[in-house]
Protein backbone atom coordinates (compact mmCIF):
# COMPACT_ATOMS: atom_id res chain seq x y z
CA MET A 1 90.94 53.50 73.62
CA ARG A 2 91.48 56.84 71.89
CA MET A 3 95.08 58.04 72.03
CA ILE A 4 95.85 61.71 72.65
CA LYS A 5 98.84 63.00 70.75
CA PRO A 6 101.72 64.27 72.92
CA LEU A 7 101.45 67.70 71.33
CA CYS A 8 97.85 67.98 72.56
CA ILE A 9 98.87 67.07 76.10
CA ALA A 10 101.58 69.71 76.06
CA THR A 11 99.13 72.28 74.78
CA LEU A 12 96.63 71.44 77.52
CA LEU A 13 99.32 71.69 80.18
CA VAL A 14 100.42 75.12 78.97
CA GLN A 15 96.80 76.33 78.95
CA ALA A 16 96.36 75.06 82.50
CA GLY A 17 99.52 76.87 83.59
CA LEU A 18 101.36 73.71 84.64
CA VAL A 19 104.49 74.11 82.54
CA HIS A 20 106.41 77.11 81.32
CA ALA A 21 106.28 78.11 77.69
CA ALA A 22 109.75 79.66 77.58
CA ALA A 23 110.23 83.15 76.22
CA THR A 24 111.31 83.16 72.60
CA PRO A 25 114.69 84.54 71.49
CA GLU A 26 112.80 87.36 69.78
CA GLU A 27 111.07 88.29 73.04
CA ILE A 28 114.26 88.10 75.08
CA ALA A 29 116.05 90.36 72.58
CA LYS A 30 113.52 93.11 73.32
CA LEU A 31 114.50 93.34 77.01
CA GLY A 32 116.38 96.59 77.55
CA ASN A 33 115.59 97.75 74.02
CA GLU A 34 111.98 98.53 73.05
CA LEU A 35 111.03 97.02 76.40
CA THR A 36 112.43 97.87 79.81
CA CYS A 37 114.75 95.28 81.29
CA VAL A 38 111.76 93.72 83.10
CA GLY A 39 109.46 93.61 80.08
CA ALA A 40 107.33 96.78 80.19
CA GLU A 41 106.64 98.76 77.03
CA LYS A 42 108.95 101.79 76.95
CA ALA A 43 106.96 103.74 74.38
CA ALA A 44 104.14 106.13 75.12
CA ASN A 45 100.66 105.09 74.11
CA ALA A 46 99.01 106.32 70.92
CA ASP A 47 97.85 109.70 72.23
CA GLY A 48 100.69 110.25 74.71
CA SER A 49 98.46 110.06 77.76
CA ILE A 50 100.75 107.28 79.00
CA THR A 51 104.17 108.87 78.79
CA GLU A 52 107.34 107.23 77.54
CA TRP A 53 109.40 105.40 80.18
CA THR A 54 112.53 107.37 81.05
CA GLY A 55 114.09 105.32 83.86
CA LYS A 56 116.23 108.36 84.61
CA TRP A 57 116.40 107.79 88.36
CA LEU A 58 117.82 104.91 90.37
CA GLY A 59 117.47 105.66 94.06
CA THR A 60 117.06 109.25 95.26
CA PRO A 61 116.39 111.88 92.56
CA PRO A 62 118.94 114.70 92.66
CA HIS A 63 116.37 117.32 93.69
CA VAL A 64 115.00 115.33 96.66
CA ASN A 65 116.42 115.90 100.14
CA PHE A 66 116.13 112.34 101.45
CA GLU A 67 117.51 111.90 104.97
CA GLY A 68 117.45 108.13 105.12
CA THR A 69 115.14 105.23 105.79
CA GLY A 70 112.52 105.43 108.51
CA LYS A 71 111.34 108.87 107.41
CA HIS A 72 108.00 109.49 105.77
CA PRO A 73 108.07 109.26 101.95
CA ILE A 74 109.04 112.44 100.08
CA ASP A 75 107.15 113.28 96.89
CA PRO A 76 109.51 113.78 93.91
CA TYR A 77 106.67 115.56 92.06
CA PRO A 78 105.44 118.14 94.58
CA GLU A 79 104.37 120.64 91.92
CA ASP A 80 102.15 118.22 90.01
CA LYS A 81 98.46 119.13 89.82
CA PRO A 82 95.60 116.91 88.60
CA LEU A 83 95.06 116.95 84.85
CA PHE A 84 91.38 116.31 85.49
CA VAL A 85 89.11 114.71 88.07
CA ILE A 86 86.78 111.79 87.38
CA THR A 87 83.45 112.06 89.18
CA ALA A 88 80.14 110.22 89.15
CA ALA A 89 78.88 112.87 86.72
CA ASN A 90 81.57 112.29 84.07
CA MET A 91 82.65 108.69 84.75
CA ALA A 92 80.92 107.47 81.57
CA GLU A 93 83.56 109.33 79.54
CA TYR A 94 86.28 107.20 81.15
CA ALA A 95 84.40 103.93 81.67
CA ASP A 96 86.66 101.82 79.43
CA ARG A 97 89.63 102.71 81.65
CA LEU A 98 87.94 102.05 85.00
CA SER A 99 87.65 98.80 86.92
CA ALA A 100 84.32 97.36 88.05
CA GLY A 101 85.27 98.27 91.61
CA GLN A 102 85.95 101.90 90.76
CA LYS A 103 82.62 102.17 88.96
CA ALA A 104 80.92 100.62 91.98
CA LEU A 105 82.49 103.22 94.29
CA PHE A 106 81.17 106.03 92.07
CA GLU A 107 77.71 104.46 92.17
CA ALA A 108 77.79 103.93 95.93
CA TYR A 109 79.14 107.38 96.82
CA PRO A 110 78.23 109.71 93.90
CA ASP A 111 78.56 112.89 95.94
CA THR A 112 81.99 112.28 97.42
CA PHE A 113 84.05 109.65 95.57
CA GLN A 114 86.41 111.19 93.03
CA MET A 115 89.57 110.19 91.18
CA PRO A 116 92.13 112.97 90.60
CA VAL A 117 94.20 111.92 87.58
CA TYR A 118 97.78 113.12 87.29
CA GLN A 119 100.40 113.00 84.56
CA THR A 120 101.82 109.51 84.19
CA ARG A 121 105.34 109.48 85.63
CA ARG A 122 107.69 106.62 84.66
CA ASP A 123 111.05 107.87 85.85
CA PHE A 124 112.38 105.16 88.18
CA ARG A 125 114.27 102.05 87.16
CA PHE A 126 115.53 98.81 88.66
CA ALA A 127 119.18 98.14 89.46
CA ASP A 128 121.31 96.23 86.93
CA SER A 129 121.27 93.12 89.14
CA VAL A 130 117.46 92.99 88.86
CA CYS A 131 117.77 93.22 85.09
CA GLN A 132 120.29 90.37 85.04
CA ALA A 133 118.15 88.09 87.21
CA THR A 134 115.12 88.86 85.04
CA LEU A 135 117.06 87.97 81.89
CA GLU A 136 118.08 84.63 83.40
CA ASN A 137 114.49 83.93 84.37
CA ALA A 138 113.22 84.79 80.90
CA ARG A 139 115.53 82.06 79.61
CA SER A 140 115.01 79.33 82.19
CA ALA A 141 112.50 79.95 85.03
CA GLN A 142 109.76 77.37 85.34
CA LEU A 143 106.87 76.34 87.55
CA VAL A 144 106.94 72.89 89.16
CA ASN A 145 104.62 70.67 91.22
CA ASP A 146 101.48 71.58 89.28
CA GLY A 147 102.22 75.28 89.63
CA GLU A 148 102.74 75.11 93.39
CA GLY A 149 106.49 75.74 93.20
CA VAL A 150 109.03 77.61 91.14
CA GLN A 151 112.61 77.08 90.01
CA ALA A 152 114.21 80.40 89.15
CA THR A 153 116.86 83.02 89.88
CA THR A 154 115.99 85.27 92.79
CA GLY A 155 116.56 89.01 92.85
CA GLY A 156 114.58 89.82 89.72
CA ILE A 157 111.24 89.50 87.97
CA LEU A 158 110.06 85.92 87.48
CA PHE A 159 108.30 85.78 84.09
CA PRO A 160 108.70 89.02 82.08
CA PHE A 161 106.68 87.33 79.32
CA PRO A 162 103.94 85.47 81.23
CA LYS A 163 102.13 82.95 79.07
CA THR A 164 99.64 81.65 81.64
CA GLY A 165 97.62 82.95 84.55
CA LEU A 166 99.71 81.00 87.03
CA GLU A 167 102.90 82.58 85.72
CA LEU A 168 101.42 86.05 86.05
CA MET A 169 100.14 85.27 89.56
CA TRP A 170 103.57 84.09 90.74
CA THR A 171 105.33 87.04 89.10
CA SER A 172 103.06 89.71 90.60
CA SER A 173 102.35 88.33 94.07
CA PHE A 174 104.94 85.88 95.41
CA PHE A 175 108.04 86.76 93.39
CA THR A 176 107.99 90.56 93.35
CA PHE A 177 111.19 92.54 93.85
CA ARG A 178 110.60 94.41 97.10
CA PRO A 179 112.75 95.62 100.04
CA PHE A 180 114.54 92.72 101.69
CA THR A 181 114.05 94.01 105.25
CA GLU A 182 111.03 95.99 106.38
CA GLU A 183 110.17 97.29 109.86
CA LEU A 184 107.34 99.57 110.90
CA VAL A 185 104.64 100.37 113.41
CA SER A 186 101.45 101.03 111.47
CA ASP A 187 97.88 102.01 112.24
CA ASN A 188 94.84 100.24 110.80
CA ALA A 189 91.53 102.10 110.63
CA TYR A 190 88.33 100.14 110.05
CA VAL A 191 85.90 102.91 109.08
CA LEU A 192 82.28 101.89 109.61
CA SER A 193 79.31 103.10 107.59
CA ASN A 194 78.39 105.62 110.30
CA GLY A 195 81.89 107.10 110.28
CA ASN A 196 83.02 105.51 113.54
CA ILE A 197 86.51 104.02 113.42
CA ASN A 198 87.76 100.84 115.04
CA TRP A 199 91.51 101.26 115.46
CA GLY A 200 94.25 98.70 115.27
CA GLN A 201 98.00 99.03 115.52
CA VAL A 202 100.69 96.52 114.59
CA ARG A 203 104.46 96.31 114.92
CA SER A 204 105.72 94.43 111.87
CA ARG A 205 108.98 93.09 110.55
CA ASN A 206 109.61 91.23 107.32
CA TYR A 207 112.75 89.64 105.93
CA ALA A 208 113.36 88.23 102.44
CA PRO A 209 117.05 87.17 102.41
CA ASN A 210 117.23 86.47 98.69
CA LEU A 211 116.11 90.01 97.84
CA LYS A 212 119.19 91.66 99.29
CA PRO A 213 120.32 94.16 96.63
CA GLY A 214 122.83 92.74 94.19
CA VAL A 215 122.25 89.13 95.27
CA LEU A 216 121.30 86.62 92.58
CA GLY A 217 120.36 83.32 94.18
CA LYS A 218 118.29 80.24 93.54
CA THR A 219 114.88 79.26 94.83
CA GLU A 220 116.15 77.12 97.69
CA GLY A 221 115.28 77.32 101.38
CA PRO A 222 113.01 79.99 102.88
CA SER A 223 111.86 82.86 100.68
CA ALA A 224 110.58 85.18 103.41
CA TYR A 225 109.92 85.56 107.13
CA TYR A 226 107.34 87.70 108.92
CA LEU A 227 106.37 88.65 112.48
CA ASN A 228 103.39 90.86 113.41
CA GLU A 229 102.77 91.96 116.99
CA THR A 230 99.35 93.46 117.82
CA LEU A 231 99.49 96.70 119.84
CA LEU A 232 95.82 97.69 119.40
CA PRO A 233 92.99 96.96 120.01
CA GLN A 234 93.78 96.62 123.69
CA ARG A 235 91.95 93.29 124.02
CA ASP A 236 94.37 91.71 121.54
CA ARG A 237 97.49 93.51 122.68
CA GLY A 238 100.52 91.25 122.75
CA GLU A 239 99.26 88.68 120.25
CA ILE A 240 102.02 87.69 117.84
CA ASN A 241 101.75 85.97 114.48
CA THR A 242 104.97 84.81 112.85
CA GLY A 243 105.94 82.50 110.05
CA VAL A 244 108.14 81.50 107.16
CA GLU A 245 107.42 81.13 103.44
CA TYR A 246 109.10 78.83 100.93
CA TYR A 247 109.40 78.66 97.16
CA ASN A 248 107.33 75.51 96.86
CA HIS A 249 103.91 75.43 98.50
CA ALA A 250 103.52 71.72 97.77
CA THR A 251 106.73 70.40 99.29
CA GLU A 252 107.27 73.13 101.91
CA PRO A 253 104.00 74.89 102.77
CA ARG A 254 103.88 78.07 104.82
CA GLN A 255 104.75 77.55 108.49
CA SER A 256 103.00 79.83 110.99
CA TRP A 257 102.77 80.23 114.75
CA ARG A 258 100.69 82.35 117.12
CA TYR A 259 101.68 83.61 120.55
CA ASP A 260 98.72 84.03 122.93
CA PRO A 261 99.50 86.61 125.64
CA GLY A 262 96.74 85.21 127.84
CA THR A 263 98.29 81.76 128.13
CA ARG A 264 101.86 82.82 127.20
CA ARG A 265 102.01 79.88 124.88
CA VAL A 266 103.02 79.56 121.24
CA ARG A 267 100.95 77.28 119.06
CA GLN A 268 101.36 76.34 115.44
CA SER A 269 98.71 77.76 113.11
CA PRO A 270 98.06 75.08 110.48
CA GLU A 271 96.64 76.23 107.16
CA TYR A 272 97.21 79.91 108.04
CA GLY A 273 96.22 81.79 104.92
CA TYR A 274 93.53 81.67 102.25
CA ASP A 275 90.24 83.15 103.50
CA MET A 276 91.03 83.11 107.18
CA GLN A 277 90.30 86.46 108.80
CA PHE A 278 93.42 88.62 108.91
CA PRO A 279 94.22 89.38 112.58
CA GLY A 280 93.14 92.82 113.73
CA SER A 281 91.11 93.64 110.60
CA GLY A 282 87.66 93.13 112.11
CA GLY A 283 86.97 90.50 109.49
CA SER A 284 87.27 93.09 106.71
CA ILE A 285 90.02 91.27 104.79
CA THR A 286 91.28 87.74 104.41
CA VAL A 287 94.85 86.63 105.01
CA ASP A 288 95.46 86.04 101.30
CA GLU A 289 94.36 89.50 100.17
CA VAL A 290 97.07 91.44 102.00
CA ARG A 291 98.89 93.21 99.14
CA ILE A 292 96.01 91.98 96.91
CA PHE A 293 97.06 88.31 96.90
CA ASN A 294 99.61 86.17 98.71
CA GLY A 295 100.35 82.52 99.38
CA SER A 296 99.41 79.42 97.46
CA GLY A 297 97.20 79.77 94.41
CA GLN A 298 96.11 76.13 94.38
CA ARG A 299 92.42 76.86 95.07
CA TYR A 300 91.94 78.80 91.85
CA ASN A 301 92.15 78.45 88.11
CA TRP A 302 94.13 81.42 86.84
CA LYS A 303 93.65 83.21 83.53
CA ILE A 304 95.30 86.19 81.85
CA VAL A 305 92.48 88.38 80.56
CA GLY A 306 94.90 90.69 78.78
CA LYS A 307 96.66 94.02 79.12
CA GLN A 308 94.80 97.32 79.04
CA GLU A 309 95.09 101.00 79.91
CA MET A 310 93.55 101.86 83.29
CA TYR A 311 93.54 104.60 85.91
CA VAL A 312 95.28 103.13 88.96
CA PRO A 313 96.97 104.48 92.11
CA ALA A 314 100.61 105.36 91.34
CA ASN A 315 103.45 107.41 92.82
CA ALA A 316 101.44 107.55 96.03
CA TYR A 317 103.45 109.84 98.29
CA ARG A 318 100.98 112.36 99.65
CA ILE A 319 98.73 109.74 101.24
CA HIS A 320 101.68 108.80 103.51
CA SER A 321 102.70 112.32 104.48
CA ASN A 322 103.07 113.18 108.16
CA ASP A 323 101.47 116.54 107.29
CA VAL A 324 98.18 114.71 106.69
CA THR A 325 96.19 113.77 109.78
CA TYR A 326 93.92 110.77 110.06
CA ASP A 327 90.96 113.11 110.60
CA GLU A 328 91.66 114.63 107.20
CA LEU A 329 92.41 111.36 105.45
CA LEU A 330 89.65 109.08 106.75
CA PRO A 331 86.10 110.40 106.30
CA PRO A 332 83.18 107.94 106.03
CA ASN A 333 82.85 105.69 102.95
CA HIS A 334 86.33 106.11 101.40
CA ALA A 335 89.65 107.88 101.82
CA ASN A 336 89.73 111.60 101.08
CA PRO A 337 90.30 111.91 97.30
CA GLU A 338 92.41 115.02 97.88
CA PHE A 339 95.29 112.81 99.01
CA MET A 340 95.01 110.18 96.28
CA ARG A 341 96.97 110.10 93.03
CA TYR A 342 95.80 108.11 90.00
CA GLU A 343 97.68 107.76 86.73
CA LEU A 344 96.85 106.15 83.40
CA ARG A 345 98.99 103.04 83.13
CA ARG A 346 99.19 99.77 81.26
CA VAL A 347 98.10 96.93 83.51
CA TRP A 348 97.75 93.19 83.17
CA VAL A 349 94.31 91.90 84.11
CA LEU A 350 94.41 88.57 85.95
CA GLU A 351 91.32 86.49 86.74
CA ALA A 352 91.03 83.77 89.38
CA ASN A 353 88.09 81.35 89.48
CA LEU A 354 87.61 78.93 92.35
CA LYS A 355 88.09 75.26 91.54
CA ASP A 356 85.12 72.96 92.15
CA SER A 357 86.93 71.01 94.85
CA TYR A 358 87.79 74.03 97.01
CA ARG A 359 86.07 76.72 99.04
CA HIS A 360 86.86 80.42 99.53
CA LEU A 361 84.93 83.57 100.42
CA TYR A 362 85.76 84.91 96.95
CA PRO A 363 84.85 82.46 94.17
CA THR A 364 85.98 84.99 91.56
CA ARG A 365 88.74 87.59 91.78
CA HIS A 366 90.02 90.13 89.27
CA MET A 367 93.50 91.55 89.90
CA TYR A 368 95.29 94.40 88.18
CA VAL A 369 99.08 94.33 87.75
CA ASP A 370 101.14 97.43 86.88
CA GLU A 371 103.43 96.60 83.93
CA ASP A 372 106.37 98.77 85.09
CA SER A 373 106.71 97.26 88.57
CA TRP A 374 104.87 93.93 88.14
CA LEU A 375 102.97 94.69 91.37
CA MET A 376 99.29 94.01 92.01
CA VAL A 377 97.74 97.44 92.56
CA MET A 378 93.97 96.74 92.58
CA ALA A 379 91.50 93.90 92.93
CA ASP A 380 87.78 93.21 92.64
CA ASN A 381 86.48 90.29 94.72
CA TYR A 382 83.11 88.66 94.08
CA ASP A 383 80.77 86.73 96.37
CA ALA A 384 79.19 83.31 95.85
CA ARG A 385 76.23 84.84 94.01
CA GLY A 386 78.47 86.58 91.52
CA GLY A 387 78.02 90.03 93.02
CA LEU A 388 80.91 92.44 93.48
CA TRP A 389 81.58 92.38 97.22
CA ARG A 390 84.91 94.03 97.95
CA THR A 391 87.26 96.21 95.96
CA SER A 392 90.77 97.15 97.03
CA MET A 393 93.80 99.17 96.04
CA ILE A 394 97.39 99.42 97.25
CA ASN A 395 99.16 102.78 97.21
CA TYR A 396 102.75 102.09 96.15
CA PHE A 397 105.63 104.55 96.14
CA TYR A 398 109.24 104.22 95.01
CA ALA A 399 111.45 103.79 98.09
CA TYR A 400 114.72 105.58 97.41
CA GLU A 401 116.75 103.56 99.91
CA ALA A 402 115.62 100.25 98.40
CA ASN A 403 115.75 101.11 94.67
CA THR A 404 112.30 99.57 94.27
CA TRP A 405 108.64 100.06 95.08
CA GLN A 406 107.20 99.81 98.58
CA ALA A 407 103.65 98.79 99.50
CA GLY A 408 102.03 101.61 101.42
CA VAL A 409 98.45 102.18 102.51
CA GLY A 410 96.00 99.51 101.41
CA LEU A 411 92.37 100.58 101.00
CA TYR A 412 89.87 97.73 101.21
CA HIS A 413 86.24 98.65 100.51
CA ASP A 414 83.27 96.49 101.48
CA LEU A 415 80.54 97.56 99.07
CA GLN A 416 77.83 95.69 100.94
CA ALA A 417 78.64 96.91 104.45
CA LYS A 418 79.52 100.43 103.22
CA SER A 419 82.76 100.28 105.21
CA TYR A 420 86.46 100.32 104.41
CA LEU A 421 89.78 99.39 105.96
CA ALA A 422 92.79 101.71 105.69
CA PHE A 423 95.69 99.33 106.27
CA ASN A 424 99.36 100.17 107.01
CA LEU A 425 98.88 103.85 107.83
CA VAL A 426 101.97 105.72 109.06
CA ASN A 427 100.95 109.39 108.89
CA GLU A 428 100.71 109.92 112.64
CA GLN A 429 103.53 107.55 113.52
CA PRO A 430 106.88 109.18 114.38
CA ASN A 431 108.56 107.00 111.74
CA GLY A 432 107.61 105.75 108.30
CA TYR A 433 108.82 102.53 106.69
CA THR A 434 112.31 101.40 107.73
CA LEU A 435 113.70 99.47 104.77
CA ASN A 436 116.83 97.57 103.73
CA THR A 437 118.77 98.16 106.93
CA GLY A 438 119.88 94.52 106.90
CA ASN A 439 119.58 94.19 110.67
CA LEU A 440 117.15 91.26 110.60
CA SER A 441 117.95 87.56 110.44
CA GLU A 442 116.02 84.31 110.68
CA ARG A 443 116.56 84.42 114.45
CA ASP A 444 114.07 87.31 114.62
CA PHE A 445 111.21 85.08 113.44
CA GLY A 446 109.49 81.82 114.28
CA PRO A 447 108.19 80.35 117.56
CA GLU A 448 111.24 81.15 119.69
CA ALA A 449 111.24 84.75 118.53
CA ALA A 450 107.53 84.96 119.36
CA ARG A 451 108.24 83.70 122.90
CA ARG A 452 111.01 86.23 123.39
CA SER A 453 108.88 89.08 122.07
CA GLY A 454 105.93 88.07 124.20
CA ARG A 455 107.71 88.12 127.54
């Protein structure tokens, strides 16, 4: 029997993403020097079209009159104008910096889809505690249980030097540094090909105890809690979905429950996630594509394609303004480009390919991760025949009260149905996103909380 050398086994495991190839001392020494404290390149690109990182602001910029959480986001760059606009007529000039999904939107809607490109702004930074947790993770974080779990320090970025696709997936989806409490009532607009809109509305609350600012913890116990109560459509009013996430999908998988207002009963929802239809979306998105990707990655093989310069949504304040009505924002086919902001940024490209032993609506997925925030900002999802089916983007903005980035409106385009979902809208709500108030606890989630809320 042919023997395989131990070195070969280790190499195969690293390529498969099953063990962590620790950051080198040389890499770690770059954190906070030529790299930001979370591993992004500080320098501008060769022609200056990606500006140098300044990190001059932590929290509210001095010129912004921010009145506190719960208000609609305030643009710190109100005087910025587009440098240029990409259209179907000139997209060939910018093709190497566009995703397949963006090109498909130009081809599908040549008369109306546009991308206004603004100056790249890199002025916000993370708190020192995030830098410290990231440094500890660079030295010692590791994946366990065949990549289904993680052992690391919470409160920072997981792998600032990802060596495998699994490491990048965990860093940019499950282990992001986001607000530790989040409450909002949001509108969801499913815009059909004829321009008609099916409306949904959800009251949401989310709680990630280990992301409380300044807290450095370990990956033990629950990582996050969620509860979503449907307000619209009327036929689903009162339905509640709630659950808890853990740091190891193999030993402690996601626990979920659903409250049915018709029967007034709470039932466990086994296997909630993956390509199940997300409640209230009209079948337009799957559970695991909220915020591009979430939950266990066990059904896919993950691969880092590389890092490249791309035009992606960034500093997205105007699209959340309460001065913008839904009639203005939501025409047929795609959101009104007037309210979008794209910037040239360095992004990691992550590819997921379905394993032979599993099923999913999307056998192949391409995801795009902003290097400054480590957040997934875009995705292209392919069907079983290899055709591009759906393309999506999340409009993030820096939340002053949380000292980090907040997921805003998600735009999910179905290229085959010629429809799109605008998810997490707040423009016409009296309040925006209420973040980091610290008034949530584990008691506000789970089956008993669902029963209380449903009465």
